[in-house]
Amino acid sequence: MGLGKARTRREVLGAMGATTVAGVVFAAGIAPAGAATAEVDIGGGVKQIAALVKRNPIPELAAVTSFELRGSDMPWSKELAAVKEGQQITFLLAGRWYLSREADMWVEPGVAFHARSGKGSLYNPMTNTGTMRADRDGPLAIARSVGEWASPNGDLATPADLYVKADGRIEGVALIWKGDAWAGLAKLAASGDAPSLINDEIARLASNPVLPSGWESIFLFGNGSGTFRMSSEGEMLCSTHKTVGIVQRPVALELAPGAKLEWSWLVDELPSPSAEDGIGTHDYLSIAVEFDDGQDLTYMWSAGLTSGHVFRCPLPLWTKRETHMVVRSGRDELGQWLSEARPVYSDYKAHIGGEARNIVGVWLIANSTFLRRFGKCRYKDIVVSSSGTRHRVL
């Protein structure tokens, strides 16, 4: 049955089913920035890149492959080429992946696109350009997911019959290099009128987007280094726009009475203009503690919820595992360094009440995919302590 234009967002949600990624985004009544966006010629830049490479062949390129992903494509069913361990592959992407076309809710292709060599680590550029390094010999396979993986191996959490009903299209070009990707891209850019995606990737690579030692991206969303990076002053910088990033650092501490999380942060801009406890406005900045029972408790700065408010994550794939607590609210204190301290043990017992015995990680979270606005903050002096042991995370 088609989606009627006269229906409310809640009615659309019910029709699509709350177990799918596309079916969970309409609970709030605020339209995203850029609502009612007209359909665009998504593949124009990609076609220009393919034409540029054909006109200007360069010896640095081992292969060039164009591709397309649609909703009916099962994960990893498309293989582009055979690659060797250590080989660099640049992806230049165009398209739009809809969470709901009717509500004009969508993500950029780089958010949804994933790749891997053989059955190796998942690579997700998060932005519309990215360069991966193959971690093993094997076929270069591609897939799409918006938080739909069940494991780091790329297994699906979303039922297959719902997965193939997704609405979207990603077009792209894979540039498979013999050597250094940056050098090859620079030569392509110098050979003619390079499409903006090429220059975007040159700039991204030149910025050296790597996470600090000890931190890694959560497998669901991939390239956290596009959202988080370390400053020369030792601060973790966070900037998000139409992206989601979760980076984590392992911790091994007992969850004992008196366990505490301390940190300082300076928030410049909040990615949501209103309360973040609904699906359609669930864009936020936060720091989280992960426990050995699979639960996490995330401390957030809210645009519209009062300090002390606690709620379970509104996203169905996360609601069973994540609890949010508001520790700052509103805009009055934006742009200031503020120090926080939370009694993690007491908060866990009061608001989760599970059987966890240990603290196993600290996360930094930034999401701006629903409303497609900007969010920006900085962190420093992150310390977790328990049973007389202080563990400095940052």
Protein backbone atom coordinates (compact mmCIF):
# COMPACT_ATOMS: atom_id res chain seq x y z
CA MET A 1 0.00 0.00 0.00
CA GLY A 2 1.39 3.42 -0.92
CA LEU A 3 2.09 6.18 1.55
CA GLY A 4 -0.64 8.80 1.39
CA LYS A 5 0.44 12.42 1.39
CA ALA A 6 -2.30 13.41 3.82
CA ARG A 7 -1.13 11.16 6.63
CA THR A 8 0.64 12.39 9.72
CA ARG A 9 4.23 11.50 10.51
CA ARG A 10 3.05 9.13 13.26
CA GLU A 11 0.75 7.34 10.81
CA VAL A 12 3.63 6.97 8.38
CA LEU A 13 5.73 5.52 11.19
CA GLY A 14 3.08 2.94 11.95
CA ALA A 15 2.74 1.98 8.30
CA MET A 16 6.45 1.43 7.80
CA GLY A 17 7.07 -0.58 10.96
CA ALA A 18 9.22 0.38 13.90
CA THR A 19 11.81 -2.37 13.37
CA THR A 20 13.24 -0.84 10.19
CA VAL A 21 15.67 2.05 10.05
CA ALA A 22 13.40 3.82 7.58
CA GLY A 23 10.42 3.27 9.83
CA VAL A 24 11.64 4.96 12.98
CA VAL A 25 12.22 8.58 12.10
CA PHE A 26 8.93 10.43 12.39
CA ALA A 27 7.96 10.66 16.04
CA ALA A 28 8.77 14.38 16.32
CA GLY A 29 6.88 17.02 14.39
CA ILE A 30 9.84 19.17 13.36
CA ALA A 31 10.91 18.92 9.73
CA PRO A 32 14.61 18.61 9.00
CA ALA A 33 16.64 21.49 7.64
CA GLY A 34 16.13 21.65 3.90
CA ALA A 35 12.70 20.01 3.96
CA ALA A 36 10.84 19.46 0.70
CA THR A 37 14.10 19.09 -1.19
CA ALA A 38 13.53 18.41 -4.87
CA GLU A 39 14.91 15.26 -6.47
CA VAL A 40 18.35 15.89 -7.94
CA ASP A 41 20.58 14.41 -10.62
CA ILE A 42 22.63 12.54 -8.06
CA GLY A 43 25.20 10.98 -10.33
CA GLY A 44 26.45 13.99 -12.31
CA GLY A 45 29.72 14.42 -10.41
CA VAL A 46 30.44 10.70 -10.46
CA LYS A 47 29.99 10.56 -14.24
CA GLN A 48 32.36 13.52 -14.60
CA ILE A 49 35.01 11.66 -12.59
CA ALA A 50 34.71 8.56 -14.77
CA ALA A 51 35.01 10.74 -17.88
CA LEU A 52 38.02 12.60 -16.45
CA VAL A 53 39.86 9.35 -15.76
CA LYS A 54 39.10 8.07 -19.24
CA ARG A 55 40.44 11.27 -20.84
CA ASN A 56 43.50 11.42 -18.61
CA PRO A 57 44.76 7.92 -17.77
CA ILE A 58 47.52 8.00 -15.15
CA PRO A 59 49.95 5.21 -14.25
CA GLU A 60 49.14 5.43 -10.53
CA LEU A 61 45.71 3.85 -11.13
CA ALA A 62 45.41 0.07 -11.08
CA ALA A 63 41.68 0.08 -11.89
CA VAL A 64 38.60 2.29 -12.00
CA THR A 65 35.16 0.87 -11.29
CA SER A 66 31.77 2.57 -11.30
CA PHE A 67 28.98 1.12 -9.18
CA GLU A 68 25.44 1.61 -7.92
CA LEU A 69 23.64 0.47 -4.78
CA ARG A 70 19.85 0.31 -4.45
CA GLY A 71 17.51 -0.89 -1.74
CA SER A 72 17.09 -4.34 -3.25
CA ASP A 73 20.83 -5.10 -3.11
CA MET A 74 21.70 -7.44 -0.24
CA PRO A 75 24.89 -6.66 1.71
CA TRP A 76 28.18 -7.64 0.08
CA SER A 77 26.46 -9.03 -3.02
CA LYS A 78 28.34 -6.57 -5.24
CA GLU A 79 32.06 -7.16 -5.71
CA LEU A 80 34.05 -4.52 -7.61
CA ALA A 81 37.54 -5.97 -8.03
CA ALA A 82 40.22 -8.10 -6.39
CA VAL A 83 42.54 -6.11 -4.13
CA LYS A 84 45.70 -6.85 -2.18
CA GLU A 85 46.42 -6.20 1.48
CA GLY A 86 47.67 -2.63 1.91
CA GLN A 87 46.23 -1.40 -1.38
CA GLN A 88 44.44 1.95 -1.19
CA ILE A 89 40.99 2.51 -2.69
CA THR A 90 39.32 5.91 -2.98
CA PHE A 91 35.51 6.08 -3.07
CA LEU A 92 33.77 9.13 -4.54
CA LEU A 93 30.02 9.01 -3.89
CA ALA A 94 26.77 10.65 -4.91
CA GLY A 95 23.17 9.91 -4.07
CA ARG A 96 20.66 10.01 -1.27
CA TRP A 97 19.47 7.32 1.11
CA TYR A 98 15.95 7.96 2.36
CA LEU A 99 14.76 7.20 5.84
CA SER A 100 11.46 8.52 4.50
CA ARG A 101 10.97 10.15 1.11
CA GLU A 102 7.56 11.41 2.20
CA ALA A 103 9.01 13.30 5.17
CA ASP A 104 12.12 14.32 3.19
CA MET A 105 14.32 12.57 5.73
CA TRP A 106 17.51 11.20 4.22
CA VAL A 107 21.21 10.74 4.79
CA GLU A 108 24.16 11.48 2.57
CA PRO A 109 25.54 8.50 0.62
CA GLY A 110 28.74 8.48 2.67
CA VAL A 111 26.73 7.77 5.83
CA ALA A 112 25.17 4.63 4.32
CA PHE A 113 28.02 3.31 2.17
CA HIS A 114 30.29 0.51 3.44
CA ALA A 115 33.09 -1.53 1.91
CA ARG A 116 35.48 -4.32 2.90
CA SER A 117 38.24 -6.43 1.37
CA GLY A 118 37.58 -10.14 1.67
CA LYS A 119 35.69 -10.54 4.93
CA GLY A 120 37.85 -7.97 6.66
CA SER A 121 37.08 -4.87 8.70
CA LEU A 122 34.14 -2.70 7.67
CA TYR A 123 35.01 0.66 6.12
CA ASN A 124 32.50 3.52 6.20
CA PRO A 125 33.69 6.94 4.95
CA MET A 126 30.78 8.84 6.60
CA THR A 127 31.47 11.72 4.20
CA ASN A 128 30.96 11.47 0.44
CA THR A 129 34.65 10.86 -0.21
CA GLY A 130 36.97 8.45 1.52
CA THR A 131 40.04 6.28 1.07
CA MET A 132 40.35 2.84 2.66
CA ARG A 133 43.38 0.59 2.96
CA ALA A 134 42.61 -3.08 2.29
CA ASP A 135 43.39 -5.10 5.40
CA ARG A 136 43.65 -8.39 3.51
CA ASP A 137 43.69 -9.88 0.03
CA GLY A 138 40.27 -10.59 -1.46
CA PRO A 139 37.33 -9.19 -3.37
CA LEU A 140 36.42 -5.55 -2.76
CA ALA A 141 32.75 -5.80 -1.77
CA ILE A 142 30.27 -3.00 -1.05
CA ALA A 143 27.04 -2.63 0.93
CA ARG A 144 24.87 -0.03 2.60
CA SER A 145 23.71 0.28 6.18
CA VAL A 146 22.35 3.05 8.39
CA GLY A 147 23.14 1.49 11.75
CA GLU A 148 21.85 -1.92 10.60
CA TRP A 149 24.82 -4.19 11.32
CA ALA A 150 24.53 -6.86 13.99
CA SER A 151 28.27 -7.46 14.22
CA PRO A 152 31.67 -6.15 13.07
CA ASN A 153 31.53 -8.85 10.38
CA GLY A 154 28.77 -7.01 8.50
CA ASP A 155 25.94 -9.36 9.46
CA LEU A 156 22.47 -7.80 9.31
CA ALA A 157 20.40 -6.86 12.34
CA THR A 158 17.50 -5.75 10.12
CA PRO A 159 15.38 -8.65 8.80
CA ALA A 160 16.27 -9.26 5.14
CA ASP A 161 12.69 -8.87 3.90
CA LEU A 162 12.55 -5.37 5.40
CA TYR A 163 16.11 -4.46 4.40
CA VAL A 164 15.39 -4.89 0.68
CA LYS A 165 12.42 -2.51 0.89
CA ALA A 166 14.67 0.45 1.65
CA ASP A 167 14.45 3.52 -0.56
CA GLY A 168 17.60 5.09 -1.93
CA ARG A 169 20.37 5.04 -4.46
CA ILE A 170 24.10 5.45 -4.19
CA GLU A 171 26.28 5.94 -7.24
CA GLY A 172 30.02 5.93 -7.00
CA VAL A 173 33.44 5.44 -8.47
CA ALA A 174 36.16 3.31 -6.87
CA LEU A 175 39.70 4.40 -7.76
CA ILE A 176 42.00 1.49 -6.98
CA TRP A 177 45.58 2.69 -6.63
CA LYS A 178 48.94 1.07 -7.22
CA GLY A 179 50.54 3.34 -4.64
CA ASP A 180 49.63 6.43 -2.64
CA ALA A 181 46.07 7.68 -3.12
CA TRP A 182 46.86 11.32 -2.36
CA ALA A 183 49.57 11.47 -5.04
CA GLY A 184 47.27 9.91 -7.62
CA LEU A 185 44.38 12.21 -6.79
CA ALA A 186 46.65 15.25 -7.00
CA LYS A 187 47.75 14.19 -10.47
CA LEU A 188 44.12 13.73 -11.54
CA ALA A 189 43.24 17.17 -10.19
CA ALA A 190 46.11 18.73 -12.13
CA SER A 191 45.11 17.08 -15.39
CA GLY A 192 41.95 19.04 -16.05
CA ASP A 193 38.71 20.35 -14.61
CA ALA A 194 38.48 18.00 -11.64
CA PRO A 195 35.03 17.52 -10.09
CA SER A 196 34.75 18.84 -6.54
CA LEU A 197 34.71 15.34 -5.03
CA ILE A 198 38.34 14.83 -6.06
CA ASN A 199 39.45 18.08 -4.46
CA ASP A 200 37.37 17.27 -1.38
CA GLU A 201 39.22 13.99 -0.90
CA ILE A 202 42.62 15.60 -1.48
CA ALA A 203 41.81 18.11 1.28
CA ARG A 204 40.50 15.40 3.59
CA LEU A 205 43.63 13.27 3.20
CA ALA A 206 45.89 16.29 3.65
CA SER A 207 44.19 17.05 6.98
CA ASN A 208 45.40 13.65 8.27
CA PRO A 209 42.06 12.60 9.81
CA VAL A 210 43.15 9.95 12.32
CA LEU A 211 41.90 9.16 15.80
CA PRO A 212 44.28 9.52 18.76
CA SER A 213 45.99 6.40 20.06
CA GLY A 214 43.70 4.10 22.03
CA TRP A 215 40.47 5.32 20.42
CA GLU A 216 38.50 3.50 17.73
CA SER A 217 35.24 3.88 15.85
CA ILE A 218 32.26 1.73 16.73
CA PHE A 219 31.67 -0.76 13.92
CA LEU A 220 28.12 0.44 13.22
CA PHE A 221 29.18 3.80 11.80
CA GLY A 222 32.81 3.53 10.81
CA ASN A 223 34.88 6.60 10.24
CA GLY A 224 34.79 8.43 13.56
CA SER A 225 37.94 10.30 12.55
CA GLY A 226 35.74 12.36 10.26
CA THR A 227 33.89 13.65 13.34
CA PHE A 228 36.48 13.47 16.14
CA ARG A 229 40.16 14.37 16.10
CA MET A 230 42.84 15.43 18.54
CA SER A 231 44.08 19.01 18.73
CA SER A 232 47.68 20.01 19.35
CA GLU A 233 46.59 21.04 22.87
CA GLY A 234 45.40 17.52 23.68
CA GLU A 235 41.69 18.25 23.34
CA MET A 236 39.31 15.99 21.43
CA LEU A 237 37.63 18.14 18.79
CA CYS A 238 34.16 17.21 17.57
CA SER A 239 32.40 18.59 14.50
CA THR A 240 29.31 17.03 12.93
CA HIS A 241 27.11 18.01 10.01
CA LYS A 242 24.80 15.41 8.46
CA THR A 243 26.97 12.70 10.05
CA VAL A 244 27.06 10.35 13.01
CA GLY A 245 30.20 9.40 14.88
CA ILE A 246 30.78 7.19 17.91
CA VAL A 247 34.33 6.66 19.09
CA GLN A 248 35.23 4.49 22.04
CA ARG A 249 38.15 3.76 24.32
CA PRO A 250 38.35 0.56 26.34
CA VAL A 251 38.36 0.77 30.14
CA ALA A 252 38.69 -2.03 32.69
CA LEU A 253 37.33 -0.90 36.06
CA GLU A 254 34.99 -2.44 38.60
CA LEU A 255 31.54 -0.87 38.77
CA ALA A 256 31.74 -0.30 42.51
CA PRO A 257 30.06 2.19 44.88
CA GLY A 258 31.65 5.58 44.33
CA ALA A 259 32.54 4.93 40.65
CA LYS A 260 32.68 8.30 38.91
CA LEU A 261 33.12 9.90 35.48
CA GLU A 262 34.72 13.35 35.24
CA TRP A 263 35.24 15.47 32.15
CA SER A 264 35.40 19.01 30.83
CA TRP A 265 33.71 20.16 27.66
CA LEU A 266 33.08 23.27 25.66
CA VAL A 267 30.01 23.10 23.43
CA ASP A 268 29.79 25.69 20.68
CA GLU A 269 26.72 24.52 18.80
CA LEU A 270 23.95 21.95 19.46
CA PRO A 271 22.78 19.91 16.45
CA SER A 272 19.11 19.92 17.48
CA PRO A 273 17.09 23.08 18.26
CA SER A 274 14.61 21.24 20.50
CA ALA A 275 14.10 18.26 22.82
CA GLU A 276 16.07 15.24 21.60
CA ASP A 277 13.92 12.47 23.11
CA GLY A 278 11.88 11.97 19.92
CA ILE A 279 13.14 10.09 16.88
CA GLY A 280 12.98 12.95 14.42
CA THR A 281 15.02 15.32 16.64
CA HIS A 282 17.45 12.80 18.12
CA ASP A 283 20.58 14.73 17.14
CA TYR A 284 22.90 15.37 20.09
CA LEU A 285 26.41 15.55 21.61
CA SER A 286 27.31 13.33 24.57
CA ILE A 287 29.82 11.27 26.51
CA ALA A 288 28.89 7.73 27.55
CA VAL A 289 30.01 4.94 29.86
CA GLU A 290 29.68 1.35 28.63
CA PHE A 291 29.11 -1.59 31.00
CA ASP A 292 29.79 -5.31 30.72
CA ASP A 293 26.07 -6.14 30.46
CA GLY A 294 25.86 -4.39 27.07
CA GLN A 295 24.22 -1.26 28.46
CA ASP A 296 25.54 2.26 28.10
CA LEU A 297 24.64 5.45 29.96
CA THR A 298 25.21 8.62 27.96
CA TYR A 299 25.45 12.10 29.49
CA MET A 300 24.23 14.74 27.05
CA TRP A 301 23.73 18.47 26.60
CA SER A 302 20.14 19.10 25.56
CA ALA A 303 18.64 21.99 23.66
CA GLY A 304 15.20 21.59 25.23
CA LEU A 305 15.09 18.95 27.98
CA THR A 306 15.69 19.94 31.59
CA SER A 307 18.85 18.97 33.44
CA GLY A 308 18.36 15.66 35.23
CA HIS A 309 15.86 14.30 32.70
CA VAL A 310 16.47 10.61 31.90
CA PHE A 311 15.07 8.64 28.96
CA ARG A 312 15.74 5.52 26.96
CA CYS A 313 17.01 6.02 23.42
CA PRO A 314 14.02 6.44 21.07
CA LEU A 315 15.65 4.48 18.22
CA PRO A 316 14.36 0.88 18.26
CA LEU A 317 17.76 -0.68 17.56
CA TRP A 318 19.18 1.22 20.57
CA THR A 319 16.31 1.49 23.02
CA LYS A 320 17.17 -1.80 24.73
CA ARG A 321 20.76 -0.80 25.40
CA GLU A 322 21.10 2.97 25.80
CA THR A 323 19.95 5.37 28.52
CA HIS A 324 20.30 9.15 28.16
CA MET A 325 20.76 11.59 31.04
CA VAL A 326 20.66 15.36 30.52
CA VAL A 327 23.45 17.11 32.44
CA ARG A 328 23.30 20.53 30.75
CA SER A 329 20.39 22.29 29.06
CA GLY A 330 19.78 25.29 26.86
CA ARG A 331 22.10 27.75 25.17
CA ASP A 332 23.18 30.11 27.95
CA GLU A 333 26.42 28.27 28.72
CA LEU A 334 27.49 27.52 25.15
CA GLY A 335 31.03 28.58 24.34
CA GLN A 336 32.33 28.07 27.90
CA TRP A 337 34.58 25.37 29.34
CA LEU A 338 32.56 23.50 31.97
CA SER A 339 33.67 20.71 34.30
CA GLU A 340 31.37 17.79 35.09
CA ALA A 341 31.37 14.87 37.54
CA ARG A 342 28.78 12.09 37.55
CA PRO A 343 28.37 9.26 40.11
CA VAL A 344 28.32 6.46 37.55
CA TYR A 345 27.56 3.69 40.04
CA SER A 346 24.59 5.57 41.51
CA ASP A 347 23.32 6.61 38.08
CA TYR A 348 23.53 3.03 36.80
CA LYS A 349 21.66 1.63 39.81
CA ALA A 350 18.96 4.32 39.67
CA HIS A 351 18.30 4.40 35.92
CA ILE A 352 19.42 1.04 34.49
CA GLY A 353 19.36 -1.33 37.44
CA GLY A 354 21.00 -4.22 35.64
CA GLU A 355 23.59 -6.81 36.64
CA ALA A 356 26.75 -5.09 35.37
CA ARG A 357 29.91 -5.66 37.39
CA ASN A 358 32.43 -3.67 35.35
CA ILE A 359 32.92 -0.50 33.34
CA VAL A 360 34.35 -1.52 29.96
CA GLY A 361 34.50 1.64 27.88
CA VAL A 362 33.99 5.36 27.41
CA TRP A 363 32.28 6.68 24.26
CA LEU A 364 32.02 10.08 22.62
CA ILE A 365 28.87 10.48 20.51
CA ALA A 366 27.84 13.07 17.92
CA ASN A 367 24.78 12.75 15.70
CA SER A 368 23.35 15.24 13.20
CA THR A 369 21.74 12.93 10.61
CA PHE A 370 18.06 13.58 11.34
CA LEU A 371 17.90 17.38 11.17
CA ARG A 372 21.10 17.83 9.15
CA ARG A 373 22.30 20.77 11.24
CA PHE A 374 25.73 21.54 12.70
CA GLY A 375 27.08 20.44 16.06
CA LYS A 376 30.45 21.36 17.52
CA CYS A 377 32.23 20.78 20.84
CA ARG A 378 35.55 19.94 22.55
CA TYR A 379 36.49 17.55 25.36
CA LYS A 380 39.43 17.32 27.75
CA ASP A 381 40.38 15.83 31.12
CA ILE A 382 38.23 12.70 30.87
CA VAL A 383 38.81 10.44 33.89
CA VAL A 384 36.97 7.34 35.14
CA SER A 385 37.58 6.25 38.72
CA SER A 386 36.46 3.35 40.89
CA SER A 387 37.72 1.53 43.98
CA GLY A 388 40.62 3.92 44.40
CA THR A 389 41.82 3.59 40.78
CA ARG A 390 41.77 6.59 38.43
CA HIS A 391 41.91 5.86 34.70
CA ARG A 392 42.68 8.86 32.49
CA VAL A 393 40.89 8.40 29.18
CA LEU A 394 41.87 11.77 27.64
